[in-house]
């Protein structure tokens, strides 16, 4: 009996990678590819992702997927590393926020300006 339990645990442990999400670009993939690639995302949720993307705009961050009905925090967390936003390197990173323009330091009068004599 103990051997059967051990065999089941080993089989389960070896099957875990099968359920892992496969990297997929959510801004380009069709519903069937999304359903096959993402853990916990079936045909209905995948179709909702595609519909939201086509109606609104491409996803700018992984967290944007939470706006799709049926995609909650647990689904995002399970798939975060597999969700790509573009085909280039650093796919999971949203575009960096634009920095405010640096303020120019107040100019100090040059020493030659102070040495001018009034006439």
PDB file of N, CA and C in Angstrom:
ATOM      1  N   UNK A   1       0.821  -1.192   0.000  1.00  0.00           N
ATOM      2  CA  UNK A   1       0.000   0.000   0.000  1.00  0.00           C
ATOM      3  C   UNK A   1       0.871   1.265   0.000  1.00  0.00           C
ATOM      4  N   UNK A   2       1.920   1.254   0.792  1.00  0.00           N
ATOM      5  CA  UNK A   2       2.816   2.404   0.870  1.00  0.00           C
ATOM      6  C   UNK A   2       3.492   2.652  -0.474  1.00  0.00           C
ATOM      7  N   UNK A   3       3.786   1.576  -1.189  1.00  0.00           N
ATOM      8  CA  UNK A   3       4.415   1.709  -2.506  1.00  0.00           C
ATOM      9  C   UNK A   3       3.470   2.394  -3.494  1.00  0.00           C
ATOM     10  N   UNK A   4       2.178   2.095  -3.389  1.00  0.00           N
ATOM     11  CA  UNK A   4       1.198   2.708  -4.291  1.00  0.00           C
ATOM     12  C   UNK A   4       1.093   4.211  -4.023  1.00  0.00           C
ATOM     13  N   UNK A   5       1.090   4.573  -2.757  1.00  0.00           N
ATOM     14  CA  UNK A   5       1.011   5.998  -2.397  1.00  0.00           C
ATOM     15  C   UNK A   5       2.255   6.729  -2.893  1.00  0.00           C
ATOM     16  N   UNK A   6       3.421   6.123  -2.690  1.00  0.00           N
ATOM     17  CA  UNK A   6       4.671   6.740  -3.142  1.00  0.00           C
ATOM     18  C   UNK A   6       4.668   6.880  -4.661  1.00  0.00           C
ATOM     19  N   UNK A   7       4.211   5.857  -5.347  1.00  0.00           N
ATOM     20  CA  UNK A   7       4.161   5.905  -6.808  1.00  0.00           C
ATOM     21  C   UNK A   7       3.220   7.008  -7.279  1.00  0.00           C
ATOM     22  N   UNK A   8       2.080   7.175  -6.609  1.00  0.00           N
ATOM     23  CA  UNK A   8       1.126   8.236  -6.974  1.00  0.00           C
ATOM     24  C   UNK A   8       1.734   9.613  -6.746  1.00  0.00           C
ATOM     25  N   UNK A   9       2.419   9.794  -5.613  1.00  0.00           N
ATOM     26  CA  UNK A   9       3.046  11.084  -5.321  1.00  0.00           C
ATOM     27  C   UNK A   9       4.130  11.415  -6.345  1.00  0.00           C
ATOM     28  N   UNK A  10       4.918  10.424  -6.728  1.00  0.00           N
ATOM     29  CA  UNK A  10       5.962  10.655  -7.722  1.00  0.00           C
ATOM     30  C   UNK A  10       5.340  11.003  -9.072  1.00  0.00           C
ATOM     31  N   UNK A  11       4.295  10.273  -9.460  1.00  0.00           N
ATOM     32  CA  UNK A  11       3.620  10.556 -10.730  1.00  0.00           C
ATOM     33  C   UNK A  11       3.029  11.961 -10.732  1.00  0.00           C
ATOM     34  N   UNK A  12       2.444  12.364  -9.607  1.00  0.00           N
ATOM     35  CA  UNK A  12       1.868  13.706  -9.504  1.00  0.00           C
ATOM     36  C   UNK A  12       2.966  14.768  -9.613  1.00  0.00           C
ATOM     37  N   UNK A  13       4.075  14.557  -8.905  1.00  0.00           N
ATOM     38  CA  UNK A  13       5.177  15.519  -8.938  1.00  0.00           C
ATOM     39  C   UNK A  13       5.748  15.666 -10.335  1.00  0.00           C
ATOM     40  N   UNK A  14       5.825  14.565 -11.073  1.00  0.00           N
ATOM     41  CA  UNK A  14       6.360  14.630 -12.430  1.00  0.00           C
ATOM     42  C   UNK A  14       5.386  15.274 -13.404  1.00  0.00           C
ATOM     43  N   UNK A  15       4.102  15.248 -13.079  1.00  0.00           N
ATOM     44  CA  UNK A  15       3.115  15.829 -13.984  1.00  0.00           C
ATOM     45  C   UNK A  15       2.919  17.329 -13.764  1.00  0.00           C
ATOM     46  N   UNK A  16       3.435  17.872 -12.692  1.00  0.00           N
ATOM     47  CA  UNK A  16       3.264  19.301 -12.418  1.00  0.00           C
ATOM     48  C   UNK A  16       3.757  20.195 -13.547  1.00  0.00           C
ATOM     49  N   UNK A  17       4.939  19.953 -14.131  1.00  0.00           N
ATOM     50  CA  UNK A  17       5.375  20.836 -15.221  1.00  0.00           C
ATOM     51  C   UNK A  17       4.425  20.828 -16.416  1.00  0.00           C
ATOM     52  N   UNK A  18       3.639  19.772 -16.572  1.00  0.00           N
ATOM     53  CA  UNK A  18       2.687  19.703 -17.674  1.00  0.00           C
ATOM     54  C   UNK A  18       1.644  20.800 -17.532  1.00  0.00           C
ATOM     55  N   UNK A  19       1.310  21.149 -16.292  1.00  0.00           N
ATOM     56  CA  UNK A  19       0.281  22.146 -16.044  1.00  0.00           C
ATOM     57  C   UNK A  19       0.833  23.564 -15.991  1.00  0.00           C
ATOM     58  N   UNK A  20       2.120  23.718 -16.123  1.00  0.00           N
ATOM     59  CA  UNK A  20       2.718  25.051 -16.083  1.00  0.00           C
ATOM     60  C   UNK A  20       2.334  25.827 -17.338  1.00  0.00           C
ATOM     61  N   UNK A  21       2.221  27.114 -17.173  1.00  0.00           N
ATOM     62  CA  UNK A  21       1.861  27.982 -18.301  1.00  0.00           C
ATOM     63  C   UNK A  21       3.017  28.064 -19.288  1.00  0.00           C
ATOM     64  N   UNK A  22       2.672  28.210 -20.550  1.00  0.00           N
ATOM     65  CA  UNK A  22       3.645  28.359 -21.632  1.00  0.00           C
ATOM     66  C   UNK A  22       3.679  29.831 -22.035  1.00  0.00           C
ATOM     67  N   UNK A  23       4.851  30.428 -22.203  1.00  0.00           N
ATOM     68  CA  UNK A  23       4.903  31.845 -22.580  1.00  0.00           C
ATOM     69  C   UNK A  23       4.088  32.139 -23.833  1.00  0.00           C
ATOM     70  N   UNK A  24       3.293  33.197 -23.754  1.00  0.00           N
ATOM     71  CA  UNK A  24       2.434  33.562 -24.874  1.00  0.00           C
ATOM     72  C   UNK A  24       2.235  35.077 -24.884  1.00  0.00           C
ATOM     73  N   UNK A  25       2.235  35.647 -26.075  1.00  0.00           N
ATOM     74  CA  UNK A  25       2.006  37.081 -26.243  1.00  0.00           C
ATOM     75  C   UNK A  25       0.494  37.321 -26.250  1.00  0.00           C
ATOM     76  N   UNK A  26      -0.019  37.900 -25.174  1.00  0.00           N
ATOM     77  CA  UNK A  26      -1.469  38.113 -25.055  1.00  0.00           C
ATOM     78  C   UNK A  26      -1.981  39.208 -25.978  1.00  0.00           C
ATOM     79  N   UNK A  27      -1.090  39.969 -26.583  1.00  0.00           N
ATOM     80  CA  UNK A  27      -1.516  41.017 -27.515  1.00  0.00           C
ATOM     81  C   UNK A  27      -1.597  40.529 -28.960  1.00  0.00           C
ATOM     82  N   UNK A  28      -1.152  39.301 -29.217  1.00  0.00           N
ATOM     83  CA  UNK A  28      -1.175  38.787 -30.586  1.00  0.00           C
ATOM     84  C   UNK A  28      -1.824  37.415 -30.713  1.00  0.00           C
ATOM     85  N   UNK A  29      -1.801  36.612 -29.662  1.00  0.00           N
ATOM     86  CA  UNK A  29      -2.270  35.231 -29.746  1.00  0.00           C
ATOM     87  C   UNK A  29      -3.782  35.152 -29.925  1.00  0.00           C
ATOM     88  N   UNK A  30      -4.225  34.115 -30.643  1.00  0.00           N
ATOM     89  CA  UNK A  30      -5.654  33.875 -30.778  1.00  0.00           C
ATOM     90  C   UNK A  30      -6.166  33.151 -29.533  1.00  0.00           C
ATOM     91  N   UNK A  31      -7.482  33.019 -29.426  1.00  0.00           N
ATOM     92  CA  UNK A  31      -8.097  32.438 -28.235  1.00  0.00           C
ATOM     93  C   UNK A  31      -7.643  30.997 -28.001  1.00  0.00           C
ATOM     94  N   UNK A  32      -7.528  30.208 -29.058  1.00  0.00           N
ATOM     95  CA  UNK A  32      -7.118  28.815 -28.897  1.00  0.00           C
ATOM     96  C   UNK A  32      -5.706  28.719 -28.317  1.00  0.00           C
ATOM     97  N   UNK A  33      -4.805  29.567 -28.779  1.00  0.00           N
ATOM     98  CA  UNK A  33      -3.427  29.569 -28.280  1.00  0.00           C
ATOM     99  C   UNK A  33      -3.394  30.014 -26.824  1.00  0.00           C
ATOM    100  N   UNK A  34      -4.171  31.030 -26.480  1.00  0.00           N
ATOM    101  CA  UNK A  34      -4.228  31.489 -25.091  1.00  0.00           C
ATOM    102  C   UNK A  34      -4.743  30.386 -24.177  1.00  0.00           C
ATOM    103  N   UNK A  35      -5.786  29.695 -24.619  1.00  0.00           N
ATOM    104  CA  UNK A  35      -6.376  28.631 -23.800  1.00  0.00           C
ATOM    105  C   UNK A  35      -5.384  27.494 -23.587  1.00  0.00           C
ATOM    106  N   UNK A  36      -4.604  27.168 -24.607  1.00  0.00           N
ATOM    107  CA  UNK A  36      -3.622  26.090 -24.474  1.00  0.00           C
ATOM    108  C   UNK A  36      -2.425  26.517 -23.639  1.00  0.00           C
ATOM    109  N   UNK A  37      -2.075  27.786 -23.676  1.00  0.00           N
ATOM    110  CA  UNK A  37      -0.836  28.253 -23.070  1.00  0.00           C
ATOM    111  C   UNK A  37      -0.954  28.677 -21.616  1.00  0.00           C
ATOM    112  N   UNK A  38      -2.094  29.189 -21.214  1.00  0.00           N
ATOM    113  CA  UNK A  38      -2.229  29.753 -19.875  1.00  0.00           C
ATOM    114  C   UNK A  38      -2.980  28.811 -18.944  1.00  0.00           C
ATOM    115  N   UNK A  39      -2.452  28.649 -17.754  1.00  0.00           N
ATOM    116  CA  UNK A  39      -3.040  27.782 -16.744  1.00  0.00           C
ATOM    117  C   UNK A  39      -4.312  28.417 -16.182  1.00  0.00           C
ATOM    118  N   UNK A  40      -5.394  27.668 -16.171  1.00  0.00           N
ATOM    119  CA  UNK A  40      -6.653  28.164 -15.627  1.00  0.00           C
ATOM    120  C   UNK A  40      -7.440  29.032 -16.591  1.00  0.00           C
ATOM    121  N   UNK A  41      -6.987  29.108 -17.836  1.00  0.00           N
ATOM    122  CA  UNK A  41      -7.682  29.895 -18.855  1.00  0.00           C
ATOM    123  C   UNK A  41      -8.195  28.928 -19.909  1.00  0.00           C
ATOM    124  N   UNK A  42      -9.516  28.808 -19.960  1.00  0.00           N
ATOM    125  CA  UNK A  42     -10.133  27.951 -20.957  1.00  0.00           C
ATOM    126  C   UNK A  42     -10.575  28.762 -22.160  1.00  0.00           C
ATOM    127  N   UNK A  43     -11.398  28.141 -22.982  1.00  0.00           N
ATOM    128  CA  UNK A  43     -11.841  28.776 -24.227  1.00  0.00           C
ATOM    129  C   UNK A  43     -12.631  30.060 -23.969  1.00  0.00           C
ATOM    130  N   UNK A  44     -13.493  30.051 -22.946  1.00  0.00           N
ATOM    131  CA  UNK A  44     -14.329  31.230 -22.672  1.00  0.00           C
ATOM    132  C   UNK A  44     -13.496  32.413 -22.202  1.00  0.00           C
ATOM    133  N   UNK A  45     -12.583  32.172 -21.253  1.00  0.00           N
ATOM    134  CA  UNK A  45     -11.737  33.262 -20.763  1.00  0.00           C
ATOM    135  C   UNK A  45     -10.790  33.748 -21.857  1.00  0.00           C
ATOM    136  N   UNK A  46     -10.278  32.829 -22.646  1.00  0.00           N
ATOM    137  CA  UNK A  46      -9.374  33.213 -23.735  1.00  0.00           C
ATOM    138  C   UNK A  46     -10.105  34.086 -24.753  1.00  0.00           C
ATOM    139  N   UNK A  47     -11.344  33.721 -25.065  1.00  0.00           N
ATOM    140  CA  UNK A  47     -12.142  34.535 -25.996  1.00  0.00           C
ATOM    141  C   UNK A  47     -12.408  35.917 -25.403  1.00  0.00           C
ATOM    142  N   UNK A  48     -12.608  35.979 -24.089  1.00  0.00           N
ATOM    143  CA  UNK A  48     -12.835  37.266 -23.427  1.00  0.00           C
ATOM    144  C   UNK A  48     -11.577  38.135 -23.489  1.00  0.00           C
ATOM    145  N   UNK A  49     -10.404  37.520 -23.362  1.00  0.00           N
ATOM    146  CA  UNK A  49      -9.140  38.265 -23.464  1.00  0.00           C
ATOM    147  C   UNK A  49      -9.005  38.872 -24.853  1.00  0.00           C
ATOM    148  N   UNK A  50      -9.263  38.068 -25.882  1.00  0.00           N
ATOM    149  CA  UNK A  50      -9.150  38.547 -27.264  1.00  0.00           C
ATOM    150  C   UNK A  50     -10.172  39.653 -27.528  1.00  0.00           C
ATOM    151  N   UNK A  51     -11.411  39.468 -27.056  1.00  0.00           N
ATOM    152  CA  UNK A  51     -12.459  40.471 -27.278  1.00  0.00           C
ATOM    153  C   UNK A  51     -12.099  41.787 -26.592  1.00  0.00           C
ATOM    154  N   UNK A  52     -11.605  41.723 -25.355  1.00  0.00           N
ATOM    155  CA  UNK A  52     -11.233  42.941 -24.626  1.00  0.00           C
ATOM    156  C   UNK A  52     -10.111  43.657 -25.371  1.00  0.00           C
ATOM    157  N   UNK A  53      -9.114  42.891 -25.802  1.00  0.00           N
ATOM    158  CA  UNK A  53      -7.956  43.459 -26.504  1.00  0.00           C
ATOM    159  C   UNK A  53      -8.385  44.150 -27.791  1.00  0.00           C
ATOM    160  N   UNK A  54      -9.300  43.542 -28.529  1.00  0.00           N
ATOM    161  CA  UNK A  54      -9.749  44.131 -29.791  1.00  0.00           C
ATOM    162  C   UNK A  54     -10.656  45.334 -29.576  1.00  0.00           C
ATOM    163  N   UNK A  55     -11.435  45.311 -28.503  1.00  0.00           N
ATOM    164  CA  UNK A  55     -12.362  46.411 -28.234  1.00  0.00           C
ATOM    165  C   UNK A  55     -11.667  47.618 -27.610  1.00  0.00           C
ATOM    166  N   UNK A  56     -10.777  47.364 -26.681  1.00  0.00           N
ATOM    167  CA  UNK A  56     -10.145  48.459 -25.925  1.00  0.00           C
ATOM    168  C   UNK A  56      -8.813  48.873 -26.554  1.00  0.00           C
ATOM    169  N   UNK A  57      -7.802  48.047 -26.334  1.00  0.00           N
ATOM    170  CA  UNK A  57      -6.459  48.310 -26.845  1.00  0.00           C
ATOM    171  C   UNK A  57      -5.561  47.173 -26.399  1.00  0.00           C
ATOM    172  N   UNK A  58      -4.363  47.088 -26.952  1.00  0.00           N
ATOM    173  CA  UNK A  58      -3.444  46.051 -26.468  1.00  0.00           C
ATOM    174  C   UNK A  58      -3.145  46.256 -24.982  1.00  0.00           C
ATOM    175  N   UNK A  59      -2.836  45.170 -24.319  1.00  0.00           N
ATOM    176  CA  UNK A  59      -2.509  45.232 -22.893  1.00  0.00           C
ATOM    177  C   UNK A  59      -1.155  45.896 -22.725  1.00  0.00           C
ATOM    178  N   UNK A  60      -1.078  46.847 -21.815  1.00  0.00           N
ATOM    179  CA  UNK A  60       0.175  47.562 -21.567  1.00  0.00           C
ATOM    180  C   UNK A  60       0.937  46.966 -20.390  1.00  0.00           C
ATOM    181  N   UNK A  61       0.231  46.253 -19.511  1.00  0.00           N
ATOM    182  CA  UNK A  61       0.875  45.577 -18.384  1.00  0.00           C
ATOM    183  C   UNK A  61       0.130  44.280 -18.123  1.00  0.00           C
ATOM    184  N   UNK A  62       0.790  43.377 -17.438  1.00  0.00           N
ATOM    185  CA  UNK A  62       0.166  42.103 -17.084  1.00  0.00           C
ATOM    186  C   UNK A  62      -1.070  42.356 -16.226  1.00  0.00           C
ATOM    187  N   UNK A  63      -1.004  43.337 -15.356  1.00  0.00           N
ATOM    188  CA  UNK A  63      -2.129  43.640 -14.469  1.00  0.00           C
ATOM    189  C   UNK A  63      -3.363  44.128 -15.230  1.00  0.00           C
ATOM    190  N   UNK A  64      -3.199  44.629 -16.447  1.00  0.00           N
ATOM    191  CA  UNK A  64      -4.350  45.045 -17.260  1.00  0.00           C
ATOM    192  C   UNK A  64      -5.299  43.882 -17.532  1.00  0.00           C
ATOM    193  N   UNK A  65      -4.777  42.671 -17.520  1.00  0.00           N
ATOM    194  CA  UNK A  65      -5.617  41.494 -17.772  1.00  0.00           C
ATOM    195  C   UNK A  65      -6.691  41.318 -16.704  1.00  0.00           C
ATOM    196  N   UNK A  66      -6.489  41.901 -15.534  1.00  0.00           N
ATOM    197  CA  UNK A  66      -7.491  41.778 -14.472  1.00  0.00           C
ATOM    198  C   UNK A  66      -8.785  42.509 -14.833  1.00  0.00           C
ATOM    199  N   UNK A  67      -8.757  43.355 -15.851  1.00  0.00           N
ATOM    200  CA  UNK A  67      -9.962  44.047 -16.291  1.00  0.00           C
ATOM    201  C   UNK A  67     -10.868  43.145 -17.131  1.00  0.00           C
ATOM    202  N   UNK A  68     -10.333  41.982 -17.544  1.00  0.00           N
ATOM    203  CA  UNK A  68     -11.101  41.029 -18.344  1.00  0.00           C
ATOM    204  C   UNK A  68     -11.943  40.175 -17.391  1.00  0.00           C
ATOM    205  N   UNK A  69     -13.228  40.068 -17.693  1.00  0.00           N
ATOM    206  CA  UNK A  69     -14.121  39.274 -16.848  1.00  0.00           C
ATOM    207  C   UNK A  69     -13.612  37.837 -16.763  1.00  0.00           C
ATOM    208  N   UNK A  70     -13.490  37.346 -15.532  1.00  0.00           N
ATOM    209  CA  UNK A  70     -13.048  35.974 -15.303  1.00  0.00           C
ATOM    210  C   UNK A  70     -11.568  35.827 -15.029  1.00  0.00           C
ATOM    211  N   UNK A  71     -10.808  36.900 -15.209  1.00  0.00           N
ATOM    212  CA  UNK A  71      -9.373  36.860 -14.924  1.00  0.00           C
ATOM    213  C   UNK A  71      -9.143  37.562 -13.592  1.00  0.00           C
ATOM    214  N   UNK A  72      -8.864  36.778 -12.578  1.00  0.00           N
ATOM    215  CA  UNK A  72      -8.667  37.334 -11.243  1.00  0.00           C
ATOM    216  C   UNK A  72      -7.217  37.283 -10.816  1.00  0.00           C
ATOM    217  N   UNK A  73      -6.959  37.705  -9.591  1.00  0.00           N
ATOM    218  CA  UNK A  73      -5.589  37.752  -9.086  1.00  0.00           C
ATOM    219  C   UNK A  73      -4.904  36.382  -9.073  1.00  0.00           C
ATOM    220  N   UNK A  74      -5.632  35.326  -8.758  1.00  0.00           N
ATOM    221  CA  UNK A  74      -5.017  33.990  -8.715  1.00  0.00           C
ATOM    222  C   UNK A  74      -4.575  33.555 -10.106  1.00  0.00           C
ATOM    223  N   UNK A  75      -5.406  33.799 -11.100  1.00  0.00           N
ATOM    224  CA  UNK A  75      -5.060  33.434 -12.480  1.00  0.00           C
ATOM    225  C   UNK A  75      -3.856  34.241 -12.947  1.00  0.00           C
ATOM    226  N   UNK A  76      -3.840  35.525 -12.639  1.00  0.00           N
ATOM    227  CA  UNK A  76      -2.699  36.366 -13.016  1.00  0.00           C
ATOM    228  C   UNK A  76      -1.418  35.876 -12.348  1.00  0.00           C
ATOM    229  N   UNK A  77      -1.503  35.553 -11.069  1.00  0.00           N
ATOM    230  CA  UNK A  77      -0.316  35.128 -10.342  1.00  0.00           C
ATOM    231  C   UNK A  77       0.246  33.825 -10.914  1.00  0.00           C
ATOM    232  N   UNK A  78      -0.638  32.875 -11.241  1.00  0.00           N
ATOM    233  CA  UNK A  78      -0.190  31.596 -11.796  1.00  0.00           C
ATOM    234  C   UNK A  78       0.484  31.769 -13.152  1.00  0.00           C
ATOM    235  N   UNK A  79       0.092  32.774 -13.893  1.00  0.00           N
ATOM    236  CA  UNK A  79       0.559  32.938 -15.269  1.00  0.00           C
ATOM    237  C   UNK A  79       1.488  34.132 -15.485  1.00  0.00           C
ATOM    238  N   UNK A  80       1.770  34.878 -14.459  1.00  0.00           N
ATOM    239  CA  UNK A  80       2.518  36.139 -14.607  1.00  0.00           C
ATOM    240  C   UNK A  80       3.805  35.977 -15.421  1.00  0.00           C
ATOM    241  N   UNK A  81       4.567  34.931 -15.163  1.00  0.00           N
ATOM    242  CA  UNK A  81       5.839  34.763 -15.872  1.00  0.00           C
ATOM    243  C   UNK A  81       5.656  34.326 -17.321  1.00  0.00           C
ATOM    244  N   UNK A  82       4.480  33.822 -17.668  1.00  0.00           N
ATOM    245  CA  UNK A  82       4.242  33.336 -19.032  1.00  0.00           C
ATOM    246  C   UNK A  82       3.536  34.370 -19.907  1.00  0.00           C
ATOM    247  N   UNK A  83       3.029  35.432 -19.316  1.00  0.00           N
ATOM    248  CA  UNK A  83       2.299  36.432 -20.084  1.00  0.00           C
ATOM    249  C   UNK A  83       3.287  37.419 -20.688  1.00  0.00           C
ATOM    250  N   UNK A  84       3.317  37.440 -21.999  1.00  0.00           N
ATOM    251  CA  UNK A  84       4.184  38.363 -22.730  1.00  0.00           C
ATOM    252  C   UNK A  84       3.329  39.464 -23.336  1.00  0.00           C
ATOM    253  N   UNK A  85       3.886  40.656 -23.415  1.00  0.00           N
ATOM    254  CA  UNK A  85       3.158  41.808 -23.961  1.00  0.00           C
ATOM    255  C   UNK A  85       3.658  42.202 -25.342  1.00  0.00           C
ATOM    256  N   UNK A  86       4.841  41.717 -25.714  1.00  0.00           N
ATOM    257  CA  UNK A  86       5.398  41.977 -27.041  1.00  0.00           C
ATOM    258  C   UNK A  86       6.334  40.834 -27.374  1.00  0.00           C
ATOM    259  N   UNK A  87       6.941  40.889 -28.521  1.00  0.00           N
ATOM    260  CA  UNK A  87       7.831  39.815 -28.943  1.00  0.00           C
ATOM    261  C   UNK A  87       9.294  40.090 -28.630  1.00  0.00           C
ATOM    262  N   UNK A  88       9.594  41.240 -28.071  1.00  0.00           N
ATOM    263  CA  UNK A  88      10.983  41.596 -27.803  1.00  0.00           C
ATOM    264  C   UNK A  88      11.415  41.224 -26.399  1.00  0.00           C
ATOM    265  N   UNK A  89      12.669  41.483 -26.064  1.00  0.00           N
ATOM    266  CA  UNK A  89      13.157  41.209 -24.715  1.00  0.00           C
ATOM    267  C   UNK A  89      12.463  42.112 -23.696  1.00  0.00           C
ATOM    268  N   UNK A  90      12.328  41.616 -22.484  1.00  0.00           N
ATOM    269  CA  UNK A  90      11.672  42.390 -21.434  1.00  0.00           C
ATOM    270  C   UNK A  90      10.186  42.489 -21.653  1.00  0.00           C
ATOM    271  N   UNK A  91       9.574  41.427 -22.174  1.00  0.00           N
ATOM    272  CA  UNK A  91       8.173  41.468 -22.559  1.00  0.00           C
ATOM    273  C   UNK A  91       7.215  41.768 -21.421  1.00  0.00           C
ATOM    274  N   UNK A  92       7.520  41.353 -20.226  1.00  0.00           N
ATOM    275  CA  UNK A  92       6.578  41.536 -19.125  1.00  0.00           C
ATOM    276  C   UNK A  92       6.638  42.924 -18.511  1.00  0.00           C
ATOM    277  N   UNK A  93       7.545  43.724 -18.966  1.00  0.00           N
ATOM    278  CA  UNK A  93       7.688  45.050 -18.377  1.00  0.00           C
ATOM    279  C   UNK A  93       6.868  46.051 -19.159  1.00  0.00           C
ATOM    280  N   UNK A  94       6.099  46.819 -18.436  1.00  0.00           N
ATOM    281  CA  UNK A  94       5.341  47.900 -19.084  1.00  0.00           C
ATOM    282  C   UNK A  94       6.322  48.985 -19.482  1.00  0.00           C
ATOM    283  N   UNK A  95       5.897  49.811 -20.376  1.00  0.00           N
ATOM    284  CA  UNK A  95       6.750  50.916 -20.789  1.00  0.00           C
ATOM    285  C   UNK A  95       7.048  51.779 -19.570  1.00  0.00           C
ATOM    286  N   UNK A  96       8.285  52.199 -19.421  1.00  0.00           N
ATOM    287  CA  UNK A  96       8.618  53.004 -18.254  1.00  0.00           C
ATOM    288  C   UNK A  96       7.856  54.322 -18.263  1.00  0.00           C
ATOM    289  N   UNK A  97       7.492  54.756 -17.091  1.00  0.00           N
ATOM    290  CA  UNK A  97       6.782  56.032 -16.980  1.00  0.00           C
ATOM    291  C   UNK A  97       7.731  57.139 -17.412  1.00  0.00           C
ATOM    292  N   UNK A  98       7.165  58.122 -18.067  1.00  0.00           N
ATOM    293  CA  UNK A  98       7.995  59.233 -18.513  1.00  0.00           C
ATOM    294  C   UNK A  98       8.384  60.066 -17.310  1.00  0.00           C
ATOM    295  N   UNK A  99       9.646  60.341 -17.215  1.00  0.00           N
ATOM    296  CA  UNK A  99      10.138  61.145 -16.108  1.00  0.00           C
ATOM    297  C   UNK A  99       9.803  62.603 -16.367  1.00  0.00           C
ATOM    298  N   UNK A 100       9.558  63.317 -15.301  1.00  0.00           N
ATOM    299  CA  UNK A 100       9.297  64.745 -15.437  1.00  0.00           C
ATOM    300  C   UNK A 100      10.571  65.412 -15.922  1.00  0.00           C
ATOM    301  N   UNK A 101      10.444  66.415 -16.748  1.00  0.00           N
ATOM    302  CA  UNK A 101      11.649  67.081 -17.222  1.00  0.00           C
ATOM    303  C   UNK A 101      12.419  67.675 -16.056  1.00  0.00           C
ATOM    304  N   UNK A 102      13.718  67.545 -16.125  1.00  0.00           N
ATOM    305  CA  UNK A 102      14.556  68.076 -15.049  1.00  0.00           C
ATOM    306  C   UNK A 102      14.486  69.600 -15.069  1.00  0.00           C
ATOM    307  N   UNK A 103      14.406  70.142 -13.893  1.00  0.00           N
ATOM    308  CA  UNK A 103      14.396  71.598 -13.807  1.00  0.00           C
ATOM    309  C   UNK A 103      15.808  72.119 -13.973  1.00  0.00           C
ATOM    310  N   UNK A 104      15.920  73.199 -14.680  1.00  0.00           N
ATOM    311  CA  UNK A 104      17.231  73.817 -14.852  1.00  0.00           C
ATOM    312  C   UNK A 104      17.607  74.495 -13.546  1.00  0.00           C
ATOM    313  N   UNK A 105      18.844  74.335 -13.168  1.00  0.00           N
ATOM    314  CA  UNK A 105      19.320  74.998 -11.961  1.00  0.00           C
ATOM    315  C   UNK A 105      19.375  76.489 -12.235  1.00  0.00           C
ATOM    316  N   UNK A 106      19.019  77.273 -11.233  1.00  0.00           N
ATOM    317  CA  UNK A 106      19.105  78.716 -11.467  1.00  0.00           C
ATOM    318  C   UNK A 106      20.540  79.093 -11.800  1.00  0.00           C
ATOM    319  N   UNK A 107      20.662  79.909 -12.801  1.00  0.00           N
ATOM    320  CA  UNK A 107      22.019  80.285 -13.215  1.00  0.00           C
ATOM    321  C   UNK A 107      22.581  81.308 -12.247  1.00  0.00           C
ATOM    322  N   UNK A 108      23.830  81.121 -12.000  1.00  0.00           N
ATOM    323  CA  UNK A 108      24.526  82.070 -11.132  1.00  0.00           C
ATOM    324  C   UNK A 108      25.240  83.068 -12.039  1.00  0.00           C
ATOM    325  N   UNK A 109      25.267  84.293 -11.618  1.00  0.00           N
ATOM    326  CA  UNK A 109      25.982  85.268 -12.458  1.00  0.00           C
ATOM    327  C   UNK A 109      27.451  84.884 -12.543  1.00  0.00           C
ATOM    328  N   UNK A 110      27.989  85.044 -13.697  1.00  0.00           N
ATOM    329  CA  UNK A 110      29.399  84.698 -13.876  1.00  0.00           C
ATOM    330  C   UNK A 110      30.260  85.723 -13.136  1.00  0.00           C
ATOM    331  N   UNK A 111      31.435  85.299 -12.728  1.00  0.00           N
ATOM    332  CA  UNK A 111      32.319  86.250 -12.019  1.00  0.00           C
ATOM    333  C   UNK A 111      32.624  87.481 -12.850  1.00  0.00           C
ATOM    334  N   UNK A 112      32.659  87.334 -14.157  1.00  0.00           N
ATOM    335  CA  UNK A 112      32.968  88.504 -14.971  1.00  0.00           C
ATOM    336  C   UNK A 112      31.831  89.505 -14.939  1.00  0.00           C
ATOM    337  N   UNK A 113      30.598  89.042 -14.722  1.00  0.00           N
ATOM    338  CA  UNK A 113      29.466  89.956 -14.654  1.00  0.00           C
ATOM    339  C   UNK A 113      29.538  90.793 -13.386  1.00  0.00           C
ATOM    340  N   UNK A 114      30.050  90.193 -12.299  1.00  0.00           N
ATOM    341  CA  UNK A 114      30.158  90.918 -11.039  1.00  0.00           C
ATOM    342  C   UNK A 114      31.289  91.937 -11.075  1.00  0.00           C
ATOM    343  N   UNK A 115      32.253  91.716 -11.924  1.00  0.00           N
ATOM    344  CA  UNK A 115      33.409  92.615 -11.986  1.00  0.00           C
ATOM    345  C   UNK A 115      33.181  93.802 -12.916  1.00  0.00           C
ATOM    346  N   UNK A 116      32.038  93.856 -13.551  1.00  0.00           N
ATOM    347  CA  UNK A 116      31.793  94.972 -14.443  1.00  0.00           C
ATOM    348  C   UNK A 116      31.557  96.230 -13.606  1.00  0.00           C
ATOM    349  N   UNK A 117      32.083  97.297 -14.055  1.00  0.00           N
ATOM    350  CA  UNK A 117      31.888  98.553 -13.355  1.00  0.00           C
ATOM    351  C   UNK A 117      30.863  99.377 -14.085  1.00  0.00           C
ATOM    352  N   UNK A 118      30.066 100.055 -13.329  1.00  0.00           N
ATOM    353  CA  UNK A 118      29.055 100.896 -13.995  1.00  0.00           C
ATOM    354  C   UNK A 118      29.700 102.204 -14.389  1.00  0.00           C
ATOM    355  N   UNK A 119      29.303 102.741 -15.501  1.00  0.00           N
ATOM    356  CA  UNK A 119      29.885 103.977 -16.017  1.00  0.00           C
ATOM    357  C   UNK A 119      28.913 105.088 -15.981  1.00  0.00           C
TER     358      UNK A 119
END
